């Protein structure tokens, strides 16, 4: 599942405000703020909507007037969003592994 820091990082990589992501994920801005701050315990379905909005992200104004927009530019934005999300997910996973290693081996300090 996506973590608060991953949501915030991916949103910023897309240059979205909390209001933009909240609109796309069908959430209140306050609800999204609380999720990103780590003070809310959202349902799995809410996190899935956020992930879907981020994964399908493109510039906030692209395609709003009914035009399909430049396909290459949309693909590039989508790939950038995917890379950003993958980067944050991998970093979070590496942090989890490092914490486990520290707990299992008291002398371990990481690289």
PDB file of N, CA and C in Angstrom:
ATOM      1  N   UNK A   1       0.844  -1.186   0.000  1.00  0.00           N
ATOM      2  CA  UNK A   1       0.000   0.000   0.000  1.00  0.00           C
ATOM      3  C   UNK A   1       0.891   1.252   0.000  1.00  0.00           C
ATOM      4  N   UNK A   2       0.390   2.307  -0.543  1.00  0.00           N
ATOM      5  CA  UNK A   2       1.144   3.556  -0.663  1.00  0.00           C
ATOM      6  C   UNK A   2       1.201   4.279   0.685  1.00  0.00           C
ATOM      7  N   UNK A   3       2.359   4.801   1.026  1.00  0.00           N
ATOM      8  CA  UNK A   3       2.591   5.471   2.306  1.00  0.00           C
ATOM      9  C   UNK A   3       2.404   6.980   2.147  1.00  0.00           C
ATOM     10  N   UNK A   4       2.147   7.690   3.257  1.00  0.00           N
ATOM     11  CA  UNK A   4       1.953   9.142   3.190  1.00  0.00           C
ATOM     12  C   UNK A   4       3.080   9.883   2.474  1.00  0.00           C
ATOM     13  N   UNK A   5       4.326   9.531   2.761  1.00  0.00           N
ATOM     14  CA  UNK A   5       5.454  10.212   2.120  1.00  0.00           C
ATOM     15  C   UNK A   5       5.466   9.937   0.617  1.00  0.00           C
ATOM     16  N   UNK A   6       5.090   8.733   0.221  1.00  0.00           N
ATOM     17  CA  UNK A   6       5.039   8.388  -1.201  1.00  0.00           C
ATOM     18  C   UNK A   6       3.966   9.200  -1.915  1.00  0.00           C
ATOM     19  N   UNK A   7       2.827   9.390  -1.268  1.00  0.00           N
ATOM     20  CA  UNK A   7       1.750  10.198  -1.850  1.00  0.00           C
ATOM     21  C   UNK A   7       2.239  11.616  -2.063  1.00  0.00           C
ATOM     22  N   UNK A   8       2.803  12.183  -1.027  1.00  0.00           N
ATOM     23  CA  UNK A   8       3.280  13.577  -1.080  1.00  0.00           C
ATOM     24  C   UNK A   8       4.349  13.749  -2.163  1.00  0.00           C
ATOM     25  N   UNK A   9       5.303  12.820  -2.217  1.00  0.00           N
ATOM     26  CA  UNK A   9       6.390  12.912  -3.196  1.00  0.00           C
ATOM     27  C   UNK A   9       5.867  12.788  -4.622  1.00  0.00           C
ATOM     28  N   UNK A  10       5.011  11.805  -4.868  1.00  0.00           N
ATOM     29  CA  UNK A  10       4.458  11.620  -6.213  1.00  0.00           C
ATOM     30  C   UNK A  10       3.611  12.822  -6.621  1.00  0.00           C
ATOM     31  N   UNK A  11       2.839  13.366  -5.693  1.00  0.00           N
ATOM     32  CA  UNK A  11       2.008  14.542  -5.984  1.00  0.00           C
ATOM     33  C   UNK A  11       2.881  15.724  -6.367  1.00  0.00           C
ATOM     34  N   UNK A  12       3.944  15.912  -5.636  1.00  0.00           N
ATOM     35  CA  UNK A  12       4.848  17.027  -5.933  1.00  0.00           C
ATOM     36  C   UNK A  12       5.566  16.838  -7.260  1.00  0.00           C
ATOM     37  N   UNK A  13       5.910  15.587  -7.590  1.00  0.00           N
ATOM     38  CA  UNK A  13       6.552  15.327  -8.879  1.00  0.00           C
ATOM     39  C   UNK A  13       5.619  15.677 -10.042  1.00  0.00           C
ATOM     40  N   UNK A  14       4.339  15.559  -9.833  1.00  0.00           N
ATOM     41  CA  UNK A  14       3.357  15.927 -10.847  1.00  0.00           C
ATOM     42  C   UNK A  14       3.019  17.420 -10.813  1.00  0.00           C
ATOM     43  N   UNK A  15       3.617  18.127  -9.852  1.00  0.00           N
ATOM     44  CA  UNK A  15       3.328  19.558  -9.658  1.00  0.00           C
ATOM     45  C   UNK A  15       1.853  19.807  -9.354  1.00  0.00           C
ATOM     46  N   UNK A  16       1.275  18.917  -8.559  1.00  0.00           N
ATOM     47  CA  UNK A  16      -0.120  19.057  -8.160  1.00  0.00           C
ATOM     48  C   UNK A  16      -0.204  19.612  -6.752  1.00  0.00           C
ATOM     49  N   UNK A  17      -1.224  20.389  -6.510  1.00  0.00           N
ATOM     50  CA  UNK A  17      -1.549  20.808  -5.148  1.00  0.00           C
ATOM     51  C   UNK A  17      -2.327  19.664  -4.490  1.00  0.00           C
ATOM     52  N   UNK A  18      -2.502  19.791  -3.189  1.00  0.00           N
ATOM     53  CA  UNK A  18      -3.345  18.802  -2.510  1.00  0.00           C
ATOM     54  C   UNK A  18      -4.767  18.870  -3.062  1.00  0.00           C
ATOM     55  N   UNK A  19      -5.222  20.066  -3.398  1.00  0.00           N
ATOM     56  CA  UNK A  19      -6.580  20.225  -3.938  1.00  0.00           C
ATOM     57  C   UNK A  19      -6.738  19.468  -5.257  1.00  0.00           C
ATOM     58  N   UNK A  20      -5.712  19.514  -6.112  1.00  0.00           N
ATOM     59  CA  UNK A  20      -5.779  18.822  -7.402  1.00  0.00           C
ATOM     60  C   UNK A  20      -5.845  17.316  -7.213  1.00  0.00           C
ATOM     61  N   UNK A  21      -4.980  16.768  -6.364  1.00  0.00           N
ATOM     62  CA  UNK A  21      -5.009  15.323  -6.128  1.00  0.00           C
ATOM     63  C   UNK A  21      -6.318  14.927  -5.442  1.00  0.00           C
ATOM     64  N   UNK A  22      -6.764  15.719  -4.498  1.00  0.00           N
ATOM     65  CA  UNK A  22      -8.016  15.407  -3.799  1.00  0.00           C
ATOM     66  C   UNK A  22      -9.178  15.344  -4.800  1.00  0.00           C
ATOM     67  N   UNK A  23      -9.228  16.293  -5.729  1.00  0.00           N
ATOM     68  CA  UNK A  23     -10.292  16.311  -6.737  1.00  0.00           C
ATOM     69  C   UNK A  23     -10.224  15.051  -7.597  1.00  0.00           C
ATOM     70  N   UNK A  24      -9.021  14.696  -8.043  1.00  0.00           N
ATOM     71  CA  UNK A  24      -8.853  13.536  -8.925  1.00  0.00           C
ATOM     72  C   UNK A  24      -9.135  12.223  -8.196  1.00  0.00           C
ATOM     73  N   UNK A  25      -8.868  12.166  -6.900  1.00  0.00           N
ATOM     74  CA  UNK A  25      -9.086  10.942  -6.117  1.00  0.00           C
ATOM     75  C   UNK A  25     -10.452  10.941  -5.423  1.00  0.00           C
ATOM     76  N   UNK A  26     -11.232  11.994  -5.663  1.00  0.00           N
ATOM     77  CA  UNK A  26     -12.576  12.138  -5.074  1.00  0.00           C
ATOM     78  C   UNK A  26     -12.525  12.112  -3.543  1.00  0.00           C
ATOM     79  N   UNK A  27     -11.628  12.959  -2.989  1.00  0.00           N
ATOM     80  CA  UNK A  27     -11.472  13.115  -1.547  1.00  0.00           C
ATOM     81  C   UNK A  27     -11.619  14.585  -1.191  1.00  0.00           C
ATOM     82  N   UNK A  28     -11.810  14.862   0.085  1.00  0.00           N
ATOM     83  CA  UNK A  28     -11.750  16.251   0.537  1.00  0.00           C
ATOM     84  C   UNK A  28     -10.285  16.645   0.680  1.00  0.00           C
ATOM     85  N   UNK A  29     -10.021  17.929   0.551  1.00  0.00           N
ATOM     86  CA  UNK A  29      -8.649  18.410   0.721  1.00  0.00           C
ATOM     87  C   UNK A  29      -8.179  18.126   2.146  1.00  0.00           C
ATOM     88  N   UNK A  30      -9.064  18.331   3.112  1.00  0.00           N
ATOM     89  CA  UNK A  30      -8.716  18.061   4.510  1.00  0.00           C
ATOM     90  C   UNK A  30      -8.373  16.582   4.708  1.00  0.00           C
ATOM     91  N   UNK A  31      -9.158  15.713   4.100  1.00  0.00           N
ATOM     92  CA  UNK A  31      -8.887  14.274   4.213  1.00  0.00           C
ATOM     93  C   UNK A  31      -7.536  13.910   3.637  1.00  0.00           C
ATOM     94  N   UNK A  32      -7.224  14.456   2.447  1.00  0.00           N
ATOM     95  CA  UNK A  32      -5.925  14.181   1.836  1.00  0.00           C
ATOM     96  C   UNK A  32      -4.794  14.751   2.683  1.00  0.00           C
ATOM     97  N   UNK A  33      -4.990  15.955   3.197  1.00  0.00           N
ATOM     98  CA  UNK A  33      -3.976  16.571   4.058  1.00  0.00           C
ATOM     99  C   UNK A  33      -3.679  15.664   5.263  1.00  0.00           C
ATOM    100  N   UNK A  34      -4.731  15.152   5.885  1.00  0.00           N
ATOM    101  CA  UNK A  34      -4.560  14.284   7.053  1.00  0.00           C
ATOM    102  C   UNK A  34      -3.865  12.969   6.689  1.00  0.00           C
ATOM    103  N   UNK A  35      -4.149  12.450   5.500  1.00  0.00           N
ATOM    104  CA  UNK A  35      -3.481  11.216   5.051  1.00  0.00           C
ATOM    105  C   UNK A  35      -2.002  11.487   4.836  1.00  0.00           C
ATOM    106  N   UNK A  36      -1.683  12.583   4.114  1.00  0.00           N
ATOM    107  CA  UNK A  36      -0.274  12.908   3.864  1.00  0.00           C
ATOM    108  C   UNK A  36       0.475  13.208   5.154  1.00  0.00           C
ATOM    109  N   UNK A  37      -0.203  13.787   6.135  1.00  0.00           N
ATOM    110  CA  UNK A  37       0.433  14.111   7.411  1.00  0.00           C
ATOM    111  C   UNK A  37       0.583  12.874   8.298  1.00  0.00           C
ATOM    112  N   UNK A  38      -0.070  11.775   7.917  1.00  0.00           N
ATOM    113  CA  UNK A  38       0.036  10.549   8.692  1.00  0.00           C
ATOM    114  C   UNK A  38      -0.863  10.513   9.912  1.00  0.00           C
ATOM    115  N   UNK A  39      -1.842  11.417   9.988  1.00  0.00           N
ATOM    116  CA  UNK A  39      -2.731  11.441  11.151  1.00  0.00           C
ATOM    117  C   UNK A  39      -4.050  10.719  10.888  1.00  0.00           C
ATOM    118  N   UNK A  40      -4.293  10.336   9.631  1.00  0.00           N
ATOM    119  CA  UNK A  40      -5.512   9.597   9.295  1.00  0.00           C
ATOM    120  C   UNK A  40      -5.142   8.151   8.992  1.00  0.00           C
ATOM    121  N   UNK A  41      -6.077   7.261   9.209  1.00  0.00           N
ATOM    122  CA  UNK A  41      -5.899   5.851   8.886  1.00  0.00           C
ATOM    123  C   UNK A  41      -6.896   5.520   7.775  1.00  0.00           C
ATOM    124  N   UNK A  42      -6.526   5.800   6.513  1.00  0.00           N
ATOM    125  CA  UNK A  42      -7.478   5.641   5.417  1.00  0.00           C
ATOM    126  C   UNK A  42      -7.762   4.183   5.082  1.00  0.00           C
ATOM    127  N   UNK A  43      -8.938   3.966   4.492  1.00  0.00           N
ATOM    128  CA  UNK A  43      -9.304   2.636   4.020  1.00  0.00           C
ATOM    129  C   UNK A  43      -8.439   2.265   2.817  1.00  0.00           C
ATOM    130  N   UNK A  44      -8.360   0.982   2.560  1.00  0.00           N
ATOM    131  CA  UNK A  44      -7.603   0.504   1.393  1.00  0.00           C
ATOM    132  C   UNK A  44      -8.197   1.069   0.102  1.00  0.00           C
ATOM    133  N   UNK A  45      -9.519   1.208   0.041  1.00  0.00           N
ATOM    134  CA  UNK A  45     -10.158   1.732  -1.169  1.00  0.00           C
ATOM    135  C   UNK A  45      -9.779   3.200  -1.408  1.00  0.00           C
ATOM    136  N   UNK A  46      -9.594   3.956  -0.329  1.00  0.00           N
ATOM    137  CA  UNK A  46      -9.177   5.361  -0.455  1.00  0.00           C
ATOM    138  C   UNK A  46      -7.748   5.425  -0.985  1.00  0.00           C
ATOM    139  N   UNK A  47      -6.869   4.595  -0.433  1.00  0.00           N
ATOM    140  CA  UNK A  47      -5.482   4.566  -0.912  1.00  0.00           C
ATOM    141  C   UNK A  47      -5.415   4.102  -2.361  1.00  0.00           C
ATOM    142  N   UNK A  48      -6.302   3.201  -2.746  1.00  0.00           N
ATOM    143  CA  UNK A  48      -6.334   2.736  -4.137  1.00  0.00           C
ATOM    144  C   UNK A  48      -6.749   3.874  -5.072  1.00  0.00           C
ATOM    145  N   UNK A  49      -7.719   4.699  -4.647  1.00  0.00           N
ATOM    146  CA  UNK A  49      -8.130   5.854  -5.468  1.00  0.00           C
ATOM    147  C   UNK A  49      -6.994   6.852  -5.613  1.00  0.00           C
ATOM    148  N   UNK A  50      -6.259   7.072  -4.528  1.00  0.00           N
ATOM    149  CA  UNK A  50      -5.115   7.995  -4.581  1.00  0.00           C
ATOM    150  C   UNK A  50      -4.054   7.445  -5.518  1.00  0.00           C
ATOM    151  N   UNK A  51      -3.714   6.171  -5.369  1.00  0.00           N
ATOM    152  CA  UNK A  51      -2.705   5.544  -6.231  1.00  0.00           C
ATOM    153  C   UNK A  51      -3.110   5.613  -7.692  1.00  0.00           C
ATOM    154  N   UNK A  52      -4.372   5.326  -7.956  1.00  0.00           N
ATOM    155  CA  UNK A  52      -4.868   5.357  -9.331  1.00  0.00           C
ATOM    156  C   UNK A  52      -4.765   6.764  -9.918  1.00  0.00           C
ATOM    157  N   UNK A  53      -5.141   7.766  -9.137  1.00  0.00           N
ATOM    158  CA  UNK A  53      -5.052   9.150  -9.614  1.00  0.00           C
ATOM    159  C   UNK A  53      -3.608   9.520  -9.931  1.00  0.00           C
ATOM    160  N   UNK A  54      -2.683   9.114  -9.065  1.00  0.00           N
ATOM    161  CA  UNK A  54      -1.271   9.423  -9.288  1.00  0.00           C
ATOM    162  C   UNK A  54      -0.715   8.665 -10.491  1.00  0.00           C
ATOM    163  N   UNK A  55      -1.077   7.394 -10.615  1.00  0.00           N
ATOM    164  CA  UNK A  55      -0.577   6.587 -11.718  1.00  0.00           C
ATOM    165  C   UNK A  55      -1.106   7.063 -13.069  1.00  0.00           C
ATOM    166  N   UNK A  56      -2.304   7.601 -13.079  1.00  0.00           N
ATOM    167  CA  UNK A  56      -2.902   8.084 -14.314  1.00  0.00           C
ATOM    168  C   UNK A  56      -2.696   9.576 -14.487  1.00  0.00           C
ATOM    169  N   UNK A  57      -1.800  10.137 -13.673  1.00  0.00           N
ATOM    170  CA  UNK A  57      -1.602  11.577 -13.643  1.00  0.00           C
ATOM    171  C   UNK A  57      -1.023  12.154 -14.905  1.00  0.00           C
ATOM    172  N   UNK A  58      -1.440  13.374 -15.143  1.00  0.00           N
ATOM    173  CA  UNK A  58      -0.855  14.201 -16.187  1.00  0.00           C
ATOM    174  C   UNK A  58      -1.019  15.623 -15.722  1.00  0.00           C
ATOM    175  N   UNK A  59      -0.471  16.562 -16.431  1.00  0.00           N
ATOM    176  CA  UNK A  59      -0.535  17.960 -16.033  1.00  0.00           C
ATOM    177  C   UNK A  59      -1.985  18.351 -15.778  1.00  0.00           C
ATOM    178  N   UNK A  60      -2.259  19.136 -14.727  1.00  0.00           N
ATOM    179  CA  UNK A  60      -3.628  19.464 -14.358  1.00  0.00           C
ATOM    180  C   UNK A  60      -4.473  20.052 -15.477  1.00  0.00           C
ATOM    181  N   UNK A  61      -3.907  20.794 -16.419  1.00  0.00           N
ATOM    182  CA  UNK A  61      -4.698  21.429 -17.468  1.00  0.00           C
ATOM    183  C   UNK A  61      -4.744  20.633 -18.769  1.00  0.00           C
ATOM    184  N   UNK A  62      -4.028  19.531 -18.865  1.00  0.00           N
ATOM    185  CA  UNK A  62      -3.956  18.778 -20.117  1.00  0.00           C
ATOM    186  C   UNK A  62      -5.272  18.080 -20.408  1.00  0.00           C
ATOM    187  N   UNK A  63      -5.767  18.277 -21.617  1.00  0.00           N
ATOM    188  CA  UNK A  63      -6.948  17.550 -22.062  1.00  0.00           C
ATOM    189  C   UNK A  63      -8.259  17.988 -21.466  1.00  0.00           C
ATOM    190  N   UNK A  64      -8.343  19.063 -20.730  1.00  0.00           N
ATOM    191  CA  UNK A  64      -9.592  19.480 -20.099  1.00  0.00           C
ATOM    192  C   UNK A  64     -10.605  20.037 -21.078  1.00  0.00           C
ATOM    193  N   UNK A  65     -10.156  20.566 -22.218  1.00  0.00           N
ATOM    194  CA  UNK A  65     -11.083  21.177 -23.155  1.00  0.00           C
ATOM    195  C   UNK A  65     -11.591  20.179 -24.191  1.00  0.00           C
ATOM    196  N   UNK A  66     -11.434  18.888 -23.907  1.00  0.00           N
ATOM    197  CA  UNK A  66     -11.940  17.861 -24.799  1.00  0.00           C
ATOM    198  C   UNK A  66     -10.925  17.413 -25.835  1.00  0.00           C
ATOM    199  N   UNK A  67      -9.806  18.073 -25.950  1.00  0.00           N
ATOM    200  CA  UNK A  67      -8.774  17.670 -26.895  1.00  0.00           C
ATOM    201  C   UNK A  67      -7.930  16.570 -26.270  1.00  0.00           C
ATOM    202  N   UNK A  68      -7.405  15.711 -27.125  1.00  0.00           N
ATOM    203  CA  UNK A  68      -6.604  14.603 -26.611  1.00  0.00           C
ATOM    204  C   UNK A  68      -5.219  15.050 -26.180  1.00  0.00           C
ATOM    205  N   UNK A  69      -4.749  16.204 -26.665  1.00  0.00           N
ATOM    206  CA  UNK A  69      -3.432  16.694 -26.292  1.00  0.00           C
ATOM    207  C   UNK A  69      -2.340  15.967 -27.046  1.00  0.00           C
ATOM    208  N   UNK A  70      -1.126  16.354 -26.811  1.00  0.00           N
ATOM    209  CA  UNK A  70       0.025  15.750 -27.464  1.00  0.00           C
ATOM    210  C   UNK A  70       0.317  14.409 -26.808  1.00  0.00           C
ATOM    211  N   UNK A  71       0.157  13.324 -27.569  1.00  0.00           N
ATOM    212  CA  UNK A  71       0.329  11.974 -27.017  1.00  0.00           C
ATOM    213  C   UNK A  71       1.736  11.744 -26.460  1.00  0.00           C
ATOM    214  N   UNK A  72       2.743  12.236 -27.143  1.00  0.00           N
ATOM    215  CA  UNK A  72       4.111  12.039 -26.671  1.00  0.00           C
ATOM    216  C   UNK A  72       4.339  12.748 -25.350  1.00  0.00           C
ATOM    217  N   UNK A  73       3.819  13.956 -25.213  1.00  0.00           N
ATOM    218  CA  UNK A  73       3.979  14.698 -23.963  1.00  0.00           C
ATOM    219  C   UNK A  73       3.235  14.014 -22.823  1.00  0.00           C
ATOM    220  N   UNK A  74       2.039  13.514 -23.107  1.00  0.00           N
ATOM    221  CA  UNK A  74       1.272  12.816 -22.073  1.00  0.00           C
ATOM    222  C   UNK A  74       1.982  11.538 -21.650  1.00  0.00           C
ATOM    223  N   UNK A  75       2.561  10.836 -22.626  1.00  0.00           N
ATOM    224  CA  UNK A  75       3.299   9.617 -22.300  1.00  0.00           C
ATOM    225  C   UNK A  75       4.518   9.934 -21.440  1.00  0.00           C
ATOM    226  N   UNK A  76       5.230  10.986 -21.799  1.00  0.00           N
ATOM    227  CA  UNK A  76       6.394  11.401 -21.018  1.00  0.00           C
ATOM    228  C   UNK A  76       6.004  11.752 -19.589  1.00  0.00           C
ATOM    229  N   UNK A  77       4.935  12.494 -19.411  1.00  0.00           N
ATOM    230  CA  UNK A  77       4.468  12.847 -18.065  1.00  0.00           C
ATOM    231  C   UNK A  77       4.078  11.604 -17.285  1.00  0.00           C
ATOM    232  N   UNK A  78       3.408  10.684 -17.959  1.00  0.00           N
ATOM    233  CA  UNK A  78       3.001   9.446 -17.306  1.00  0.00           C
ATOM    234  C   UNK A  78       4.215   8.635 -16.869  1.00  0.00           C
ATOM    235  N   UNK A  79       5.211   8.550 -17.744  1.00  0.00           N
ATOM    236  CA  UNK A  79       6.427   7.814 -17.398  1.00  0.00           C
ATOM    237  C   UNK A  79       7.164   8.475 -16.237  1.00  0.00           C
ATOM    238  N   UNK A  80       7.215   9.800 -16.243  1.00  0.00           N
ATOM    239  CA  UNK A  80       7.861  10.508 -15.131  1.00  0.00           C
ATOM    240  C   UNK A  80       7.139  10.225 -13.827  1.00  0.00           C
ATOM    241  N   UNK A  81       5.823  10.225 -13.866  1.00  0.00           N
ATOM    242  CA  UNK A  81       5.046   9.929 -12.661  1.00  0.00           C
ATOM    243  C   UNK A  81       5.306   8.500 -12.196  1.00  0.00           C
ATOM    244  N   UNK A  82       5.367   7.560 -13.148  1.00  0.00           N
ATOM    245  CA  UNK A  82       5.646   6.167 -12.797  1.00  0.00           C
ATOM    246  C   UNK A  82       7.018   6.020 -12.157  1.00  0.00           C
ATOM    247  N   UNK A  83       8.013   6.676 -12.739  1.00  0.00           N
ATOM    248  CA  UNK A  83       9.376   6.607 -12.195  1.00  0.00           C
ATOM    249  C   UNK A  83       9.417   7.214 -10.795  1.00  0.00           C
ATOM    250  N   UNK A  84       8.758   8.364 -10.619  1.00  0.00           N
ATOM    251  CA  UNK A  84       8.746   9.018  -9.309  1.00  0.00           C
ATOM    252  C   UNK A  84       8.085   8.124  -8.263  1.00  0.00           C
ATOM    253  N   UNK A  85       6.961   7.529  -8.623  1.00  0.00           N
ATOM    254  CA  UNK A  85       6.266   6.654  -7.687  1.00  0.00           C
ATOM    255  C   UNK A  85       7.099   5.416  -7.380  1.00  0.00           C
ATOM    256  N   UNK A  86       7.698   4.821  -8.400  1.00  0.00           N
ATOM    257  CA  UNK A  86       8.552   3.654  -8.190  1.00  0.00           C
ATOM    258  C   UNK A  86       9.732   3.998  -7.286  1.00  0.00           C
ATOM    259  N   UNK A  87      10.335   5.153  -7.513  1.00  0.00           N
ATOM    260  CA  UNK A  87      11.459   5.608  -6.695  1.00  0.00           C
ATOM    261  C   UNK A  87      11.058   5.722  -5.224  1.00  0.00           C
ATOM    262  N   UNK A  88       9.919   6.341  -4.961  1.00  0.00           N
ATOM    263  CA  UNK A  88       9.500   6.512  -3.568  1.00  0.00           C
ATOM    264  C   UNK A  88       9.145   5.169  -2.932  1.00  0.00           C
ATOM    265  N   UNK A  89       8.520   4.281  -3.695  1.00  0.00           N
ATOM    266  CA  UNK A  89       8.169   2.960  -3.168  1.00  0.00           C
ATOM    267  C   UNK A  89       9.430   2.168  -2.838  1.00  0.00           C
ATOM    268  N   UNK A  90      10.406   2.192  -3.753  1.00  0.00           N
ATOM    269  CA  UNK A  90      11.656   1.461  -3.504  1.00  0.00           C
ATOM    270  C   UNK A  90      12.416   2.037  -2.318  1.00  0.00           C
ATOM    271  N   UNK A  91      12.460   3.358  -2.204  1.00  0.00           N
ATOM    272  CA  UNK A  91      13.132   3.968  -1.051  1.00  0.00           C
ATOM    273  C   UNK A  91      12.460   3.575   0.255  1.00  0.00           C
ATOM    274  N   UNK A  92      11.134   3.578   0.263  1.00  0.00           N
ATOM    275  CA  UNK A  92      10.420   3.192   1.473  1.00  0.00           C
ATOM    276  C   UNK A  92      10.702   1.739   1.822  1.00  0.00           C
ATOM    277  N   UNK A  93      10.749   0.874   0.810  1.00  0.00           N
ATOM    278  CA  UNK A  93      11.026  -0.542   1.052  1.00  0.00           C
ATOM    279  C   UNK A  93      12.447  -0.740   1.568  1.00  0.00           C
ATOM    280  N   UNK A  94      13.400  -0.019   0.998  1.00  0.00           N
ATOM    281  CA  UNK A  94      14.779  -0.098   1.484  1.00  0.00           C
ATOM    282  C   UNK A  94      14.880   0.372   2.931  1.00  0.00           C
ATOM    283  N   UNK A  95      14.154   1.417   3.279  1.00  0.00           N
ATOM    284  CA  UNK A  95      14.142   1.890   4.670  1.00  0.00           C
ATOM    285  C   UNK A  95      13.592   0.820   5.608  1.00  0.00           C
ATOM    286  N   UNK A  96      12.527   0.133   5.185  1.00  0.00           N
ATOM    287  CA  UNK A  96      11.954  -0.940   6.003  1.00  0.00           C
ATOM    288  C   UNK A  96      12.963  -2.058   6.216  1.00  0.00           C
ATOM    289  N   UNK A  97      13.639  -2.455   5.155  1.00  0.00           N
ATOM    290  CA  UNK A  97      14.639  -3.528   5.251  1.00  0.00           C
ATOM    291  C   UNK A  97      15.772  -3.107   6.172  1.00  0.00           C
ATOM    292  N   UNK A  98      16.223  -1.857   6.031  1.00  0.00           N
ATOM    293  CA  UNK A  98      17.313  -1.373   6.876  1.00  0.00           C
ATOM    294  C   UNK A  98      16.900  -1.359   8.349  1.00  0.00           C
ATOM    295  N   UNK A  99      15.657  -0.942   8.647  1.00  0.00           N
ATOM    296  CA  UNK A  99      15.178  -0.945  10.033  1.00  0.00           C
ATOM    297  C   UNK A  99      15.144  -2.371  10.601  1.00  0.00           C
ATOM    298  N   UNK A 100      14.699  -3.317   9.762  1.00  0.00           N
ATOM    299  CA  UNK A 100      14.672  -4.713  10.215  1.00  0.00           C
ATOM    300  C   UNK A 100      16.076  -5.231  10.496  1.00  0.00           C
ATOM    301  N   UNK A 101      17.025  -4.885   9.608  1.00  0.00           N
ATOM    302  CA  UNK A 101      18.402  -5.328   9.817  1.00  0.00           C
ATOM    303  C   UNK A 101      18.989  -4.719  11.080  1.00  0.00           C
ATOM    304  N   UNK A 102      18.680  -3.471  11.343  1.00  0.00           N
ATOM    305  CA  UNK A 102      19.174  -2.844  12.581  1.00  0.00           C
ATOM    306  C   UNK A 102      18.620  -3.555  13.803  1.00  0.00           C
ATOM    307  N   UNK A 103      17.345  -3.950  13.728  1.00  0.00           N
ATOM    308  CA  UNK A 103      16.730  -4.651  14.848  1.00  0.00           C
ATOM    309  C   UNK A 103      17.283  -6.054  15.034  1.00  0.00           C
ATOM    310  N   UNK A 104      17.619  -6.714  13.921  1.00  0.00           N
ATOM    311  CA  UNK A 104      18.114  -8.090  13.978  1.00  0.00           C
ATOM    312  C   UNK A 104      19.596  -8.147  14.314  1.00  0.00           C
ATOM    313  N   UNK A 105      20.341  -7.102  13.907  1.00  0.00           N
ATOM    314  CA  UNK A 105      21.785  -7.079  14.133  1.00  0.00           C
ATOM    315  C   UNK A 105      22.150  -5.755  14.793  1.00  0.00           C
ATOM    316  N   UNK A 106      22.315  -5.728  16.105  1.00  0.00           N
ATOM    317  CA  UNK A 106      22.580  -4.487  16.813  1.00  0.00           C
ATOM    318  C   UNK A 106      23.777  -3.691  16.290  1.00  0.00           C
ATOM    319  N   UNK A 107      24.769  -4.328  15.691  1.00  0.00           N
ATOM    320  CA  UNK A 107      25.946  -3.633  15.195  1.00  0.00           C
ATOM    321  C   UNK A 107      25.788  -3.090  13.792  1.00  0.00           C
ATOM    322  N   UNK A 108      24.636  -3.368  13.134  1.00  0.00           N
ATOM    323  CA  UNK A 108      24.437  -2.938  11.739  1.00  0.00           C
ATOM    324  C   UNK A 108      24.095  -1.463  11.687  1.00  0.00           C
ATOM    325  N   UNK A 109      24.803  -0.717  10.829  1.00  0.00           N
ATOM    326  CA  UNK A 109      24.548   0.720  10.675  1.00  0.00           C
ATOM    327  C   UNK A 109      24.202   1.113   9.264  1.00  0.00           C
ATOM    328  N   UNK A 110      24.094   0.191   8.355  1.00  0.00           N
ATOM    329  CA  UNK A 110      23.756   0.492   6.952  1.00  0.00           C
ATOM    330  C   UNK A 110      24.946   0.996   6.198  1.00  0.00           C
ATOM    331  N   UNK A 111      24.701   1.321   4.919  1.00  0.00           N
ATOM    332  CA  UNK A 111      25.810   1.793   4.062  1.00  0.00           C
ATOM    333  C   UNK A 111      25.947   3.286   4.095  1.00  0.00           C
TER     334      UNK A 111
END
